[in-house]
Amino acid sequence: MASSSGTSSGSGSGSGSGSSLLQNSGSEEDLQALMDQRKRKRMISNRESARRSRMRKQKHLDDLVSQVTKLRKENQEMLTSVNITTQQYLSVEAENSVLRAQIGELSNRS
């Protein structure tokens, strides 16, 4: 009798488990759908983050290119200024040389 009642009680549990499995299956599907939704949301978020990162990188590159252009222009202006100053120095130096020669000649005449 014990085995008969065990079987009977086992059957009762079995049918209870069967209905529990069906409920679990539904909640597992819900859980899977929730996980898929979170995964899609995370993928979209990651894509957006990557897009923003690429935009920041492009802006940084554009800023650097702009800075290089500005510095090259500034460097060219400085070189021009140095060349003009060098020419003026050479001109003044030549004039000084002439004046010294004239002073020497005038000193010799006296």
N, C-alpha and C. Protein backbone atom coordinates (compact mmCIF):
# COMPACT_ATOMS: atom_id res chain seq x y z
N MET A 1 0.80 -1.18 0.00
CA MET A 1 0.00 0.00 0.00
C MET A 1 0.85 1.25 0.00
N ALA A 2 1.95 1.14 0.69
CA ALA A 2 2.82 2.30 0.74
C ALA A 2 3.30 2.64 -0.65
N SER A 3 3.64 1.58 -1.44
CA SER A 3 4.09 1.87 -2.78
C SER A 3 2.96 2.38 -3.63
N SER A 4 1.75 1.92 -3.40
CA SER A 4 0.61 2.39 -4.15
C SER A 4 0.34 3.85 -3.83
N SER A 5 0.41 4.18 -2.53
CA SER A 5 0.17 5.57 -2.18
C SER A 5 1.33 6.44 -2.68
N GLY A 6 2.55 5.87 -2.68
CA GLY A 6 3.70 6.61 -3.22
C GLY A 6 3.51 6.88 -4.68
N THR A 7 3.00 5.88 -5.43
CA THR A 7 2.77 6.07 -6.85
C THR A 7 1.70 7.10 -7.07
N SER A 8 0.65 6.99 -6.27
CA SER A 8 -0.45 7.92 -6.40
C SER A 8 0.01 9.33 -6.09
N SER A 9 0.78 9.43 -5.00
CA SER A 9 1.27 10.75 -4.65
C SER A 9 2.27 11.22 -5.70
N GLY A 10 3.07 10.29 -6.27
CA GLY A 10 4.00 10.64 -7.33
C GLY A 10 3.26 11.14 -8.55
N SER A 11 2.14 10.51 -8.89
CA SER A 11 1.37 10.96 -10.04
C SER A 11 0.82 12.34 -9.81
N GLY A 12 0.34 12.54 -8.58
CA GLY A 12 -0.19 13.85 -8.26
C GLY A 12 0.88 14.91 -8.40
N SER A 13 2.09 14.60 -7.91
CA SER A 13 3.18 15.56 -8.02
C SER A 13 3.56 15.76 -9.47
N GLY A 14 3.51 14.62 -10.21
CA GLY A 14 3.89 14.69 -11.62
C GLY A 14 2.98 15.62 -12.37
N SER A 15 1.66 15.52 -12.11
CA SER A 15 0.78 16.39 -12.85
C SER A 15 0.94 17.82 -12.39
N GLY A 16 1.21 17.99 -11.09
CA GLY A 16 1.49 19.33 -10.59
C GLY A 16 2.76 19.87 -11.21
N SER A 17 3.78 19.01 -11.37
CA SER A 17 5.04 19.45 -11.98
C SER A 17 4.83 19.78 -13.44
N GLY A 18 3.98 18.98 -14.11
CA GLY A 18 3.72 19.24 -15.53
C GLY A 18 3.13 20.62 -15.72
N SER A 19 2.16 20.98 -14.88
CA SER A 19 1.56 22.29 -14.99
C SER A 19 2.57 23.35 -14.60
N SER A 20 3.44 23.04 -13.61
CA SER A 20 4.48 23.96 -13.20
C SER A 20 5.49 24.16 -14.34
N LEU A 21 5.81 23.09 -15.08
CA LEU A 21 6.73 23.19 -16.22
C LEU A 21 6.15 24.10 -17.30
N LEU A 22 4.83 23.98 -17.52
CA LEU A 22 4.21 24.83 -18.52
C LEU A 22 4.29 26.29 -18.09
N GLN A 23 4.08 26.55 -16.82
CA GLN A 23 4.19 27.91 -16.32
C GLN A 23 5.64 28.39 -16.41
N ASN A 24 6.58 27.50 -16.03
CA ASN A 24 7.99 27.85 -16.13
C ASN A 24 8.36 28.15 -17.57
N SER A 25 7.83 27.35 -18.49
CA SER A 25 8.14 27.55 -19.90
C SER A 25 7.67 28.93 -20.34
N GLY A 26 6.48 29.32 -19.90
CA GLY A 26 5.98 30.65 -20.24
C GLY A 26 6.85 31.73 -19.64
N SER A 27 7.24 31.57 -18.38
CA SER A 27 8.07 32.60 -17.75
C SER A 27 9.48 32.56 -18.31
N GLU A 28 9.94 31.38 -18.72
CA GLU A 28 11.27 31.31 -19.36
C GLU A 28 11.24 32.03 -20.70
N GLU A 29 10.12 31.89 -21.43
CA GLU A 29 9.99 32.62 -22.70
C GLU A 29 9.95 34.12 -22.44
N ASP A 30 9.21 34.50 -21.39
CA ASP A 30 9.17 35.92 -21.02
C ASP A 30 10.56 36.41 -20.63
N LEU A 31 11.26 35.58 -19.86
CA LEU A 31 12.61 35.93 -19.43
C LEU A 31 13.54 36.05 -20.64
N GLN A 32 13.40 35.10 -21.58
CA GLN A 32 14.22 35.14 -22.79
C GLN A 32 13.90 36.38 -23.61
N ALA A 33 12.60 36.70 -23.71
CA ALA A 33 12.20 37.90 -24.46
C ALA A 33 12.77 39.15 -23.79
N LEU A 34 12.71 39.18 -22.45
CA LEU A 34 13.26 40.31 -21.71
C LEU A 34 14.76 40.43 -21.94
N MET A 35 15.44 39.28 -21.91
CA MET A 35 16.89 39.28 -22.14
C MET A 35 17.21 39.74 -23.56
N ASP A 36 16.40 39.27 -24.53
CA ASP A 36 16.62 39.69 -25.92
C ASP A 36 16.39 41.19 -26.07
N GLN A 37 15.34 41.68 -25.39
CA GLN A 37 15.06 43.11 -25.45
C GLN A 37 16.21 43.91 -24.85
N ARG A 38 16.73 43.46 -23.72
CA ARG A 38 17.86 44.14 -23.09
C ARG A 38 19.09 44.08 -23.99
N LYS A 39 19.28 42.92 -24.63
CA LYS A 39 20.43 42.76 -25.53
C LYS A 39 20.32 43.73 -26.71
N ARG A 40 19.11 43.84 -27.29
CA ARG A 40 18.90 44.78 -28.40
C ARG A 40 19.13 46.21 -27.94
N LYS A 41 18.60 46.53 -26.75
CA LYS A 41 18.78 47.88 -26.21
C LYS A 41 20.26 48.18 -25.99
N ARG A 42 20.99 47.21 -25.46
CA ARG A 42 22.43 47.38 -25.23
C ARG A 42 23.17 47.54 -26.56
N MET A 43 22.77 46.76 -27.57
CA MET A 43 23.41 46.87 -28.90
C MET A 43 23.19 48.27 -29.48
N ILE A 44 21.93 48.75 -29.36
CA ILE A 44 21.62 50.08 -29.88
C ILE A 44 22.43 51.13 -29.12
N SER A 45 22.48 50.98 -27.80
CA SER A 45 23.25 51.91 -26.97
C SER A 45 24.73 51.88 -27.35
N ASN A 46 25.28 50.69 -27.56
CA ASN A 46 26.69 50.57 -27.95
C ASN A 46 26.95 51.19 -29.31
N ARG A 47 26.02 51.00 -30.25
CA ARG A 47 26.19 51.60 -31.58
C ARG A 47 26.19 53.11 -31.48
N GLU A 48 25.25 53.63 -30.68
CA GLU A 48 25.17 55.08 -30.50
C GLU A 48 26.44 55.61 -29.85
N SER A 49 26.92 54.90 -28.85
CA SER A 49 28.15 55.30 -28.17
C SER A 49 29.33 55.28 -29.15
N ALA A 50 29.40 54.25 -29.97
CA ALA A 50 30.48 54.16 -30.98
C ALA A 50 30.37 55.30 -31.98
N ARG A 51 29.12 55.64 -32.37
CA ARG A 51 28.92 56.74 -33.32
C ARG A 51 29.39 58.06 -32.70
N ARG A 52 29.03 58.29 -31.44
CA ARG A 52 29.47 59.51 -30.76
C ARG A 52 31.00 59.54 -30.64
N SER A 53 31.58 58.38 -30.35
CA SER A 53 33.03 58.29 -30.24
C SER A 53 33.70 58.62 -31.58
N ARG A 54 33.15 58.10 -32.67
CA ARG A 54 33.70 58.42 -34.00
C ARG A 54 33.57 59.90 -34.31
N MET A 55 32.43 60.48 -33.90
CA MET A 55 32.23 61.92 -34.14
C MET A 55 33.23 62.75 -33.34
N ARG A 56 33.47 62.37 -32.07
CA ARG A 56 34.46 63.09 -31.26
C ARG A 56 35.85 62.96 -31.88
N LYS A 57 36.17 61.75 -32.33
CA LYS A 57 37.48 61.51 -32.94
C LYS A 57 37.64 62.36 -34.21
N GLN A 58 36.58 62.43 -35.04
CA GLN A 58 36.63 63.22 -36.27
C GLN A 58 36.78 64.70 -35.94
N LYS A 59 36.04 65.18 -34.93
CA LYS A 59 36.14 66.58 -34.53
C LYS A 59 37.56 66.89 -34.04
N HIS A 60 38.12 65.98 -33.25
CA HIS A 60 39.48 66.17 -32.76
C HIS A 60 40.46 66.24 -33.93
N LEU A 61 40.29 65.35 -34.89
CA LEU A 61 41.16 65.35 -36.08
C LEU A 61 41.00 66.65 -36.85
N ASP A 62 39.74 67.10 -37.03
CA ASP A 62 39.51 68.37 -37.74
C ASP A 62 40.16 69.53 -37.00
N ASP A 63 40.05 69.53 -35.67
CA ASP A 63 40.67 70.58 -34.87
C ASP A 63 42.19 70.57 -35.04
N LEU A 64 42.78 69.37 -35.05
CA LEU A 64 44.23 69.27 -35.22
C LEU A 64 44.67 69.76 -36.60
N VAL A 65 43.90 69.40 -37.63
CA VAL A 65 44.23 69.84 -38.99
C VAL A 65 44.15 71.37 -39.06
N SER A 66 43.11 71.93 -38.43
CA SER A 66 42.95 73.38 -38.40
C SER A 66 44.12 74.04 -37.67
N GLN A 67 44.53 73.43 -36.57
CA GLN A 67 45.66 73.97 -35.80
C GLN A 67 46.95 73.91 -36.61
N VAL A 68 47.17 72.82 -37.34
CA VAL A 68 48.37 72.69 -38.18
C VAL A 68 48.37 73.79 -39.24
N THR A 69 47.21 74.02 -39.87
CA THR A 69 47.12 75.06 -40.89
C THR A 69 47.44 76.43 -40.30
N LYS A 70 46.86 76.70 -39.12
CA LYS A 70 47.11 77.99 -38.46
C LYS A 70 48.58 78.15 -38.10
N LEU A 71 49.19 77.11 -37.56
CA LEU A 71 50.60 77.19 -37.15
C LEU A 71 51.52 77.33 -38.36
N ARG A 72 51.19 76.65 -39.45
CA ARG A 72 52.01 76.79 -40.67
C ARG A 72 51.95 78.22 -41.19
N LYS A 73 50.74 78.80 -41.16
CA LYS A 73 50.60 80.19 -41.61
C LYS A 73 51.41 81.12 -40.70
N GLU A 74 51.29 80.90 -39.39
CA GLU A 74 52.03 81.71 -38.42
C GLU A 74 53.53 81.56 -38.62
N ASN A 75 53.98 80.33 -38.86
CA ASN A 75 55.40 80.07 -39.10
C ASN A 75 55.88 80.80 -40.36
N GLN A 76 55.06 80.77 -41.41
CA GLN A 76 55.43 81.44 -42.65
C GLN A 76 55.55 82.95 -42.43
N GLU A 77 54.61 83.50 -41.65
CA GLU A 77 54.66 84.94 -41.35
C GLU A 77 55.93 85.28 -40.57
N MET A 78 56.30 84.43 -39.63
CA MET A 78 57.52 84.65 -38.84
C MET A 78 58.76 84.58 -39.73
N LEU A 79 58.79 83.61 -40.63
CA LEU A 79 59.93 83.51 -41.55
C LEU A 79 60.04 84.75 -42.42
N THR A 80 58.90 85.24 -42.89
CA THR A 80 58.91 86.46 -43.70
C THR A 80 59.44 87.63 -42.88
N SER A 81 58.98 87.71 -41.63
CA SER A 81 59.44 88.80 -40.75
C SER A 81 60.94 88.70 -40.49
N VAL A 82 61.43 87.49 -40.25
CA VAL A 82 62.87 87.29 -40.02
C VAL A 82 63.66 87.68 -41.28
N ASN A 83 63.17 87.31 -42.45
CA ASN A 83 63.87 87.65 -43.69
C ASN A 83 63.91 89.16 -43.91
N ILE A 84 62.80 89.82 -43.63
CA ILE A 84 62.77 91.29 -43.78
C ILE A 84 63.74 91.94 -42.79
N THR A 85 63.72 91.47 -41.55
CA THR A 85 64.63 92.02 -40.53
C THR A 85 66.09 91.77 -40.91
N THR A 86 66.37 90.58 -41.44
CA THR A 86 67.75 90.26 -41.86
C THR A 86 68.19 91.19 -42.99
N GLN A 87 67.32 91.45 -43.93
CA GLN A 87 67.65 92.35 -45.04
C GLN A 87 67.91 93.77 -44.52
N GLN A 88 67.05 94.20 -43.58
CA GLN A 88 67.25 95.54 -43.00
C GLN A 88 68.58 95.60 -42.25
N TYR A 89 68.90 94.55 -41.51
CA TYR A 89 70.17 94.50 -40.76
C TYR A 89 71.36 94.59 -41.73
N LEU A 90 71.29 93.79 -42.80
CA LEU A 90 72.39 93.81 -43.78
C LEU A 90 72.53 95.19 -44.43
N SER A 91 71.40 95.83 -44.69
CA SER A 91 71.44 97.17 -45.29
C SER A 91 72.07 98.18 -44.33
N VAL A 92 71.67 98.13 -43.06
CA VAL A 92 72.24 99.04 -42.05
C VAL A 92 73.73 98.75 -41.86
N GLU A 93 74.08 97.46 -41.85
CA GLU A 93 75.48 97.06 -41.69
C GLU A 93 76.32 97.60 -42.86
N ALA A 94 75.77 97.52 -44.07
CA ALA A 94 76.50 98.04 -45.24
C ALA A 94 76.65 99.56 -45.14
N GLU A 95 75.59 100.21 -44.70
CA GLU A 95 75.65 101.68 -44.55
C GLU A 95 76.68 102.06 -43.48
N ASN A 96 76.73 101.31 -42.37
CA ASN A 96 77.72 101.56 -41.33
C ASN A 96 79.14 101.39 -41.87
N SER A 97 79.31 100.39 -42.67
CA SER A 97 80.63 100.13 -43.25
C SER A 97 81.07 101.31 -44.11
N VAL A 98 80.13 101.83 -44.90
CA VAL A 98 80.44 102.98 -45.75
C VAL A 98 80.78 104.19 -44.88
N LEU A 99 80.00 104.43 -43.85
CA LEU A 99 80.23 105.58 -42.97
C LEU A 99 81.57 105.47 -42.24
N ARG A 100 81.93 104.26 -41.84
CA ARG A 100 83.23 104.06 -41.18
C ARG A 100 84.38 104.37 -42.16
N ALA A 101 84.19 103.92 -43.37
CA ALA A 101 85.22 104.20 -44.39
C ALA A 101 85.34 105.71 -44.59
N GLN A 102 84.22 106.41 -44.64
CA GLN A 102 84.26 107.87 -44.83
C GLN A 102 84.93 108.56 -43.64
N ILE A 103 84.62 108.04 -42.40
CA ILE A 103 85.27 108.59 -41.20
C ILE A 103 86.78 108.39 -41.31
N GLY A 104 87.21 107.22 -41.74
CA GLY A 104 88.64 106.95 -41.89
C GLY A 104 89.28 107.89 -42.86
N GLU A 105 88.64 108.17 -44.00
CA GLU A 105 89.20 109.08 -44.99
C GLU A 105 89.28 110.51 -44.45
N LEU A 106 88.22 110.93 -43.77
CA LEU A 106 88.18 112.29 -43.22
C LEU A 106 89.25 112.45 -42.11
N SER A 107 89.43 111.40 -41.34
CA SER A 107 90.45 111.45 -40.27
C SER A 107 91.83 111.56 -40.87
N ASN A 108 92.09 110.87 -41.98
CA ASN A 108 93.39 110.91 -42.62
C ASN A 108 93.68 112.27 -43.24
N ARG A 109 92.67 113.00 -43.69
CA ARG A 109 92.87 114.30 -44.32
C ARG A 109 93.28 115.34 -43.29
N SER A 110 92.84 115.21 -42.09
CA SER A 110 93.11 116.24 -41.10
C SER A 110 94.51 116.26 -40.59
